Amino acid sequence: MKSKAEVIVIGGGSTGTSIAYHLAKLGVDVVLIEKGYLGSGSTFRCATGIRQQFTDEANIMLQKYNVERWKRLSEELEYDVNFKQTGYLFLATTEEEVEAFKQNIELHNKFGVPTRLITPEEAKEIVPLLNADEFLAGQWNPTDGKANPFKTVFAFAKKARELGAEIYEYTEVTDVIVENKEVRGVKTNRGVIKADVIVNAANAWAPIINEMAGLGKEFIPIKPYKHQLVKTEPLKEGQIEPLVCPPAWNDSYVIQDGEDGGVLCGTGIEHGPTYDMTPTYDFLRGVLKWATRIIPALKYVHILRQWAGFYAKTPDSNPAIGKIHHISGFYIAAGFSGHGFMMAPGVGEAMADLIVKGKTKVPLDWNWYDPHRFERGELRSTAFQIG
């Protein structure tokens, strides 16, 4: 194991591996440290979705840029991450929701995101198995999509290594070395690595890293909330290609896996704060109640597996991204509240640019995601949390 680097990235999910790749691309001597295996936190447990349909300018602009990155990512990383623009379809059950959809669409269109209002009949053309009679209208964006989280993390890590990055799995940070309010490195269960820059990309575990650096766990109040998914046996390709969600139904959603055709069924029901990842039977019963109401044909398919993961949530469900001013050389990109995977390409690029150049062309609103907003008692409008 190396004893010294220019930058240490803590956390080997989609965000951490993206940051490491983009730093290596800029010629930085970077080490990534992951206490388990790459992707073992939230990334490998996510629902694969990538969307621009948020309800605030900052997230819409970042995600519009990210979709363009995702379109080129397989070629850039020389590894197919299975990105497909299969869309996101939100469904309204009341006139109030229809009006809210119209406002959302106006905001999306203002920033060049081609969301539009569609009829239930049009929704059924997009999703042939949809129980369209339950809905009044749809909020549809065909340029949203999905990708393979396993292949994405592997591709970022593979390319980062090719560019000179060192990645250490099953290596746990036990302390962050800070002297005179300046980063000096980390202690791990395998030894000490010195560096003048550290990036905390540990997501649900980010408060633990912050505490090691002397900031306190509540400096950025990120809490892990257990979310669960079930997956069915494969269906014929093209039956439920977009993520389909009626928000009024407990934020429940279904989406067909982009590779094997199995259907992922999720919901907004969460438990926590907790680091427990034990799947529950109550969730299985609850999520299938809504999934089979959205897609009645799911009553007749087999469930293959069920698992749990984390939404690493901040009080406003927006991540903390940027430089920590209390400690020289300390940065954070964590608390993604379920959106880390979809944001990873642009966030990794922006963080690398910030560290090396002090600025970036990525349309990331540093003020919106400011890690210090919590200590000032400032919260943003809550980021829309689906898929």
Protein backbone atom coordinates (compact mmCIF):
# COMPACT_ATOMS: atom_id res chain seq x y z
CA MET A 1 0.00 0.00 0.00
CA LYS A 2 1.23 3.49 -0.84
CA SER A 3 2.31 5.70 2.01
CA LYS A 4 1.65 9.01 0.24
CA ALA A 5 -0.66 10.54 -2.38
CA GLU A 6 -1.83 13.95 -3.52
CA VAL A 7 -5.51 13.20 -2.86
CA ILE A 8 -7.30 10.51 -0.86
CA VAL A 9 -10.92 9.70 -1.71
CA ILE A 10 -12.82 7.88 1.05
CA GLY A 11 -15.72 5.79 -0.25
CA GLY A 12 -15.88 3.45 -3.23
CA GLY A 13 -19.41 3.92 -4.53
CA SER A 14 -20.42 5.59 -7.79
CA THR A 15 -19.50 9.05 -6.44
CA GLY A 16 -16.12 8.06 -5.01
CA THR A 17 -15.03 6.08 -8.06
CA SER A 18 -16.17 8.91 -10.34
CA ILE A 19 -14.15 11.45 -8.34
CA ALA A 20 -11.09 9.18 -8.40
CA TYR A 21 -11.41 8.69 -12.16
CA HIS A 22 -11.79 12.39 -12.89
CA LEU A 23 -8.86 13.29 -10.63
CA ALA A 24 -6.67 10.68 -12.32
CA LYS A 25 -7.77 12.01 -15.69
CA LEU A 26 -6.38 15.40 -14.61
CA GLY A 27 -3.05 13.80 -13.71
CA VAL A 28 -3.52 13.74 -9.94
CA ASP A 29 -1.86 11.07 -7.81
CA VAL A 30 -5.03 9.73 -6.17
CA VAL A 31 -5.80 6.89 -3.76
CA LEU A 32 -9.33 5.62 -3.18
CA ILE A 33 -10.10 3.78 0.06
CA GLU A 34 -13.17 1.56 0.52
CA LYS A 35 -13.87 -0.33 3.75
CA GLY A 36 -15.79 -3.08 1.95
CA TYR A 37 -15.93 -3.86 -1.75
CA LEU A 38 -16.55 -1.21 -4.40
CA GLY A 39 -20.23 -0.32 -4.59
CA SER A 40 -21.11 -2.13 -1.38
CA GLY A 41 -22.91 0.85 0.18
CA SER A 42 -25.82 2.45 -1.64
CA THR A 43 -24.75 2.09 -5.27
CA PHE A 44 -25.21 -1.64 -5.81
CA ARG A 45 -28.59 -1.48 -4.05
CA CYS A 46 -30.16 1.31 -6.12
CA ALA A 47 -33.02 1.14 -8.63
CA THR A 48 -30.78 2.12 -11.59
CA GLY A 49 -32.78 5.25 -12.55
CA ILE A 50 -31.37 8.50 -13.99
CA ARG A 51 -33.70 11.49 -14.28
CA GLN A 52 -33.88 15.22 -14.82
CA GLN A 53 -37.41 15.57 -13.41
CA PHE A 54 -36.71 17.46 -10.21
CA THR A 55 -38.68 20.42 -8.84
CA ASP A 56 -35.84 22.96 -8.47
CA GLU A 57 -33.44 24.64 -10.87
CA ALA A 58 -30.19 23.37 -9.32
CA ASN A 59 -31.00 19.66 -9.58
CA ILE A 60 -32.60 20.03 -13.01
CA MET A 61 -29.55 21.78 -14.45
CA LEU A 62 -27.11 19.33 -12.91
CA GLN A 63 -29.11 16.38 -14.17
CA LYS A 64 -29.53 17.78 -17.65
CA TYR A 65 -25.74 17.92 -17.82
CA ASN A 66 -25.45 14.45 -16.30
CA VAL A 67 -27.72 12.90 -18.92
CA GLU A 68 -25.36 14.21 -21.60
CA ARG A 69 -22.46 12.68 -19.68
CA TRP A 70 -24.29 9.37 -19.34
CA LYS A 71 -24.88 9.27 -23.10
CA ARG A 72 -21.11 9.38 -23.69
CA LEU A 73 -19.95 7.46 -20.65
CA SER A 74 -19.59 3.98 -22.18
CA GLU A 75 -17.39 5.34 -24.96
CA GLU A 76 -15.41 7.52 -22.55
CA LEU A 77 -14.72 4.72 -20.10
CA GLU A 78 -14.32 2.10 -22.85
CA TYR A 79 -16.80 -0.14 -21.04
CA ASP A 80 -20.53 -0.52 -21.65
CA VAL A 81 -22.48 0.76 -18.62
CA ASN A 82 -25.80 -0.06 -20.32
CA PHE A 83 -27.20 3.46 -20.27
CA LYS A 84 -30.57 3.60 -22.02
CA GLN A 85 -32.91 6.57 -22.40
CA THR A 86 -36.13 4.75 -21.61
CA GLY A 87 -37.78 7.67 -19.82
CA TYR A 88 -39.53 8.38 -16.52
CA LEU A 89 -43.32 8.42 -16.32
CA PHE A 90 -45.07 10.00 -13.33
CA LEU A 91 -48.81 9.46 -13.07
CA ALA A 92 -51.49 11.71 -11.57
CA THR A 93 -54.52 10.42 -9.68
CA THR A 94 -56.13 13.80 -8.86
CA GLU A 95 -56.72 17.13 -10.58
CA GLU A 96 -54.42 18.75 -8.02
CA GLU A 97 -51.60 16.48 -9.14
CA VAL A 98 -52.30 17.31 -12.78
CA GLU A 99 -51.90 21.00 -11.99
CA ALA A 100 -48.66 20.26 -10.10
CA PHE A 101 -47.42 18.30 -13.13
CA LYS A 102 -48.13 21.28 -15.38
CA GLN A 103 -46.03 23.51 -13.13
CA ASN A 104 -43.22 20.95 -13.09
CA ILE A 105 -43.30 20.67 -16.86
CA GLU A 106 -43.13 24.45 -17.26
CA LEU A 107 -40.02 24.51 -15.05
CA HIS A 108 -38.40 21.58 -16.89
CA ASN A 109 -39.08 23.11 -20.29
CA LYS A 110 -37.62 26.45 -19.13
CA PHE A 111 -34.26 24.72 -18.80
CA GLY A 112 -34.51 22.64 -21.95
CA VAL A 113 -35.76 19.37 -20.44
CA PRO A 114 -38.43 17.98 -22.82
CA THR A 115 -41.00 16.83 -20.26
CA ARG A 116 -44.64 16.91 -21.44
CA LEU A 117 -48.13 16.11 -20.21
CA ILE A 118 -49.65 13.00 -21.76
CA THR A 119 -53.01 11.24 -21.58
CA PRO A 120 -53.58 7.85 -19.92
CA GLU A 121 -53.98 6.39 -23.41
CA GLU A 122 -50.58 7.72 -24.44
CA ALA A 123 -49.11 6.37 -21.21
CA LYS A 124 -50.42 2.91 -22.04
CA GLU A 125 -48.76 3.07 -25.45
CA ILE A 126 -45.45 3.65 -23.65
CA VAL A 127 -46.14 1.01 -20.97
CA PRO A 128 -48.40 -1.66 -22.51
CA LEU A 129 -49.13 -3.41 -19.19
CA LEU A 130 -50.15 -0.20 -17.38
CA ASN A 131 -53.45 -0.04 -15.52
CA ALA A 132 -54.23 3.25 -17.25
CA ASP A 133 -57.81 3.51 -15.97
CA GLU A 134 -56.50 4.57 -12.55
CA PHE A 135 -54.85 7.76 -13.80
CA LEU A 136 -55.80 11.18 -15.13
CA ALA A 137 -52.54 12.18 -16.84
CA GLY A 138 -48.83 11.50 -17.05
CA GLN A 139 -45.68 13.61 -16.69
CA TRP A 140 -43.39 12.06 -19.29
CA ASN A 141 -39.77 12.69 -20.20
CA PRO A 142 -38.33 10.27 -22.76
CA THR A 143 -34.73 11.48 -22.25
CA ASP A 144 -34.49 10.19 -18.67
CA GLY A 145 -33.24 6.64 -18.35
CA LYS A 146 -31.34 3.95 -16.49
CA ALA A 147 -27.91 2.29 -16.35
CA ASN A 148 -26.17 -0.63 -14.70
CA PRO A 149 -24.71 0.42 -11.32
CA PHE A 150 -22.38 -2.59 -11.12
CA LYS A 151 -20.84 -1.95 -14.51
CA THR A 152 -20.65 1.80 -13.89
CA VAL A 153 -18.63 1.49 -10.69
CA PHE A 154 -16.41 -1.14 -12.29
CA ALA A 155 -15.88 1.08 -15.35
CA PHE A 156 -14.96 4.16 -13.29
CA ALA A 157 -12.56 2.11 -11.15
CA LYS A 158 -11.01 0.31 -14.10
CA LYS A 159 -10.34 3.53 -15.98
CA ALA A 160 -9.05 5.28 -12.84
CA ARG A 161 -6.53 2.48 -12.32
CA GLU A 162 -5.45 2.66 -15.95
CA LEU A 163 -4.75 6.36 -15.39
CA GLY A 164 -2.62 5.64 -12.33
CA ALA A 165 -5.04 5.71 -9.40
CA GLU A 166 -4.60 3.22 -6.56
CA ILE A 167 -7.76 1.64 -5.15
CA TYR A 168 -7.74 -0.25 -1.85
CA GLU A 169 -10.79 -2.34 -1.00
CA TYR A 170 -11.41 -3.85 2.45
CA THR A 171 -9.38 -0.98 3.87
CA GLU A 172 -11.05 0.94 6.67
CA VAL A 173 -10.21 4.51 7.63
CA THR A 174 -9.74 4.60 11.41
CA ASP A 175 -8.72 8.25 11.75
CA VAL A 176 -8.29 11.43 9.72
CA ILE A 177 -5.00 13.21 10.47
CA VAL A 178 -5.47 16.96 10.91
CA GLU A 179 -2.71 19.27 12.12
CA ASN A 180 -3.17 23.01 12.63
CA LYS A 181 -6.52 22.76 10.82
CA GLU A 182 -4.87 21.25 7.76
CA VAL A 183 -5.37 17.75 6.34
CA ARG A 184 -2.29 15.54 6.59
CA GLY A 185 -3.61 12.09 5.72
CA VAL A 186 -5.50 9.10 7.11
CA LYS A 187 -4.88 6.15 9.35
CA THR A 188 -6.28 2.83 8.15
CA ASN A 189 -6.36 -0.75 9.35
CA ARG A 190 -3.50 -1.36 6.89
CA GLY A 191 -1.33 1.64 7.69
CA VAL A 192 -1.01 5.40 7.24
CA ILE A 193 -1.37 7.28 3.95
CA LYS A 194 -0.28 10.89 3.88
CA ALA A 195 -2.04 13.47 1.69
CA ASP A 196 -2.85 17.17 1.75
CA VAL A 197 -6.33 16.70 0.28
CA ILE A 198 -9.10 14.34 1.42
CA VAL A 199 -12.51 13.87 -0.17
CA ASN A 200 -15.22 12.43 2.05
CA ALA A 201 -17.40 10.41 -0.35
CA ALA A 202 -18.56 7.91 2.26
CA ASN A 203 -22.25 8.91 1.90
CA ALA A 204 -24.14 7.18 4.77
CA TRP A 205 -20.88 6.90 6.70
CA ALA A 206 -19.76 10.47 5.94
CA PRO A 207 -20.62 11.79 9.44
CA ILE A 208 -18.24 9.23 10.93
CA ILE A 209 -15.42 10.52 8.72
CA ASN A 210 -16.33 14.12 9.60
CA GLU A 211 -16.13 13.25 13.28
CA MET A 212 -12.67 11.75 12.77
CA ALA A 213 -11.61 15.07 11.25
CA GLY A 214 -12.85 16.90 14.34
CA LEU A 215 -16.00 18.37 12.79
CA GLY A 216 -18.58 16.37 14.74
CA LYS A 217 -21.20 14.00 13.38
CA GLU A 218 -23.91 16.66 13.24
CA PHE A 219 -21.84 19.22 11.33
CA ILE A 220 -23.50 17.81 8.22
CA PRO A 221 -26.50 15.83 9.51
CA ILE A 222 -26.60 12.84 7.17
CA LYS A 223 -28.75 9.93 8.35
CA PRO A 224 -29.04 6.44 6.81
CA TYR A 225 -32.61 5.37 6.04
CA LYS A 226 -33.32 1.85 4.90
CA HIS A 227 -35.06 1.52 1.54
CA GLN A 228 -35.90 -1.81 -0.03
CA LEU A 229 -36.49 -3.32 -3.47
CA VAL A 230 -37.84 -6.55 -4.85
CA LYS A 231 -37.11 -7.97 -8.28
CA THR A 232 -39.28 -10.27 -10.38
CA GLU A 233 -38.45 -12.88 -12.94
CA PRO A 234 -37.82 -11.48 -16.45
CA LEU A 235 -40.65 -10.15 -18.59
CA LYS A 236 -40.65 -9.66 -22.34
CA GLU A 237 -38.46 -6.68 -23.25
CA GLY A 238 -40.26 -3.38 -23.61
CA GLN A 239 -43.18 -3.99 -21.26
CA ILE A 240 -42.17 -1.54 -18.49
CA GLU A 241 -39.10 0.19 -19.87
CA PRO A 242 -39.44 3.59 -18.13
CA LEU A 243 -39.61 4.07 -14.41
CA VAL A 244 -43.34 4.35 -13.69
CA CYS A 245 -44.52 6.09 -10.53
CA PRO A 246 -47.81 7.45 -9.21
CA PRO A 247 -46.42 9.68 -6.40
CA ALA A 248 -49.74 9.61 -4.50
CA TRP A 249 -49.38 5.86 -4.03
CA ASN A 250 -46.62 6.01 -1.41
CA ASP A 251 -44.13 7.07 -4.10
CA SER A 252 -44.27 3.48 -5.33
CA TYR A 253 -42.58 2.67 -8.62
CA VAL A 254 -41.74 -0.11 -11.05
CA ILE A 255 -38.99 -0.29 -13.67
CA GLN A 256 -37.81 -3.10 -15.91
CA ASP A 257 -34.15 -4.03 -15.53
CA GLY A 258 -32.24 -2.79 -18.55
CA GLU A 259 -30.43 -6.09 -19.08
CA ASP A 260 -32.40 -9.15 -17.98
CA GLY A 261 -35.97 -7.80 -18.09
CA GLY A 262 -36.82 -8.41 -14.44
CA VAL A 263 -38.99 -5.76 -12.80
CA LEU A 264 -37.70 -3.74 -9.85
CA CYS A 265 -40.49 -2.71 -7.47
CA GLY A 266 -39.87 0.02 -4.90
CA THR A 267 -41.68 2.52 -2.72
CA GLY A 268 -41.00 5.59 -0.61
CA ILE A 269 -41.51 3.64 2.62
CA GLU A 270 -38.36 3.92 4.72
CA HIS A 271 -37.05 2.93 8.14
CA GLY A 272 -34.44 4.63 10.25
CA PRO A 273 -32.10 6.13 10.88
CA THR A 274 -30.43 2.72 10.82
CA TYR A 275 -27.50 0.89 9.29
CA ASP A 276 -29.51 -2.33 9.31
CA MET A 277 -29.94 -3.79 5.83
CA THR A 278 -32.16 -6.75 6.66
CA PRO A 279 -35.07 -7.08 4.19
CA THR A 280 -38.53 -7.29 5.77
CA TYR A 281 -41.65 -9.26 4.90
CA ASP A 282 -43.83 -6.23 5.67
CA PHE A 283 -42.09 -4.32 2.90
CA LEU A 284 -42.58 -7.19 0.47
CA ARG A 285 -46.31 -7.23 1.11
CA GLY A 286 -46.60 -3.45 0.96
CA VAL A 287 -44.63 -2.85 -2.22
CA LEU A 288 -46.39 -5.61 -4.13
CA LYS A 289 -49.77 -4.16 -3.19
CA TRP A 290 -48.88 -0.99 -5.09
CA ALA A 291 -46.83 -2.61 -7.86
CA THR A 292 -49.68 -4.92 -8.85
CA ARG A 293 -52.07 -1.98 -8.84
CA ILE A 294 -49.81 -0.10 -11.26
CA ILE A 295 -49.15 -3.20 -13.38
CA PRO A 296 -51.83 -5.87 -12.71
CA ALA A 297 -49.88 -8.50 -14.69
CA LEU A 298 -47.27 -8.53 -11.93
CA LYS A 299 -49.72 -10.63 -9.87
CA TYR A 300 -48.69 -13.57 -12.02
CA VAL A 301 -44.89 -13.33 -11.97
CA HIS A 302 -42.44 -14.79 -9.47
CA ILE A 303 -40.34 -12.73 -7.06
CA LEU A 304 -36.68 -13.69 -7.43
CA ARG A 305 -35.05 -11.62 -4.71
CA GLN A 306 -35.42 -8.80 -2.22
CA TRP A 307 -32.77 -6.52 -0.70
CA ALA A 308 -32.25 -3.35 1.29
CA GLY A 309 -29.96 -0.35 0.98
CA PHE A 310 -29.65 3.23 2.18
CA TYR A 311 -30.83 6.66 1.29
CA ALA A 312 -28.15 8.74 3.02
CA LYS A 313 -30.42 11.71 3.72
CA THR A 314 -29.78 15.30 4.65
CA PRO A 315 -32.58 17.41 6.21
CA ASP A 316 -33.49 18.83 2.77
CA SER A 317 -32.70 15.68 0.75
CA ASN A 318 -30.03 17.54 -1.21
CA PRO A 319 -26.40 16.41 -1.03
CA ALA A 320 -23.52 18.25 0.60
CA ILE A 321 -20.96 18.95 -2.12
CA GLY A 322 -17.93 21.18 -1.89
CA LYS A 323 -15.07 22.40 0.24
CA ILE A 324 -15.08 22.39 4.04
CA HIS A 325 -13.73 25.77 5.11
CA HIS A 326 -12.92 24.79 8.72
CA ILE A 327 -10.15 22.41 7.58
CA SER A 328 -7.77 23.15 4.73
CA GLY A 329 -7.75 20.39 2.13
CA PHE A 330 -11.00 18.71 3.27
CA TYR A 331 -13.84 18.21 0.77
CA ILE A 332 -17.14 16.36 0.82
CA ALA A 333 -19.59 14.84 -1.66
CA ALA A 334 -22.14 12.90 0.38
CA GLY A 335 -25.73 12.78 1.60
CA PHE A 336 -27.19 12.18 -1.84
CA SER A 337 -30.56 11.06 -0.46
CA GLY A 338 -31.07 8.41 -3.13
CA HIS A 339 -29.64 10.39 -6.07
CA GLY A 340 -25.92 9.60 -5.91
CA PHE A 341 -25.81 7.11 -8.77
CA MET A 342 -27.63 9.33 -11.25
CA MET A 343 -25.50 12.35 -10.30
CA ALA A 344 -22.13 10.59 -10.21
CA PRO A 345 -20.57 11.54 -13.58
CA GLY A 346 -21.08 15.29 -13.22
CA VAL A 347 -20.38 15.41 -9.49
CA GLY A 348 -17.11 13.50 -9.97
CA GLU A 349 -16.04 15.87 -12.73
CA ALA A 350 -17.00 18.98 -10.76
CA MET A 351 -15.21 17.84 -7.60
CA ALA A 352 -12.03 17.02 -9.49
CA ASP A 353 -12.14 20.40 -11.22
CA LEU A 354 -12.73 22.20 -7.91
CA ILE A 355 -9.74 20.50 -6.28
CA VAL A 356 -7.34 20.98 -9.20
CA LYS A 357 -8.57 24.15 -10.94
CA GLY A 358 -10.75 25.88 -8.38
CA LYS A 359 -13.64 26.06 -10.88
CA THR A 360 -15.63 23.85 -13.25
CA LYS A 361 -17.76 24.01 -16.39
CA VAL A 362 -20.22 21.57 -14.82
CA PRO A 363 -23.47 23.49 -14.05
CA LEU A 364 -23.32 22.54 -10.38
CA ASP A 365 -24.67 25.25 -8.07
CA TRP A 366 -22.10 25.21 -5.29
CA ASN A 367 -24.25 27.50 -3.15
CA TRP A 368 -27.25 25.17 -3.41
CA TYR A 369 -25.24 22.15 -2.27
CA ASP A 370 -23.05 24.13 0.18
CA PRO A 371 -21.98 21.79 3.03
CA HIS A 372 -22.02 24.73 5.47
CA ARG A 373 -25.73 25.50 4.93
CA PHE A 374 -26.75 23.26 7.81
CA GLU A 375 -24.62 24.99 10.42
CA ARG A 376 -26.11 28.29 9.23
CA GLY A 377 -29.60 26.85 9.63
CA GLU A 378 -30.35 27.16 5.90
CA LEU A 379 -32.31 24.43 4.13
CA ARG A 380 -33.06 24.21 0.43
CA SER A 381 -36.41 23.16 -0.98
CA THR A 382 -36.63 19.40 -0.51
CA ALA A 383 -35.32 17.46 -3.50
CA PHE A 384 -37.96 15.25 -5.11
CA GLN A 385 -37.13 11.66 -4.06
CA ILE A 386 -38.14 8.92 -6.46
CA GLY A 387 -36.04 6.16 -8.04
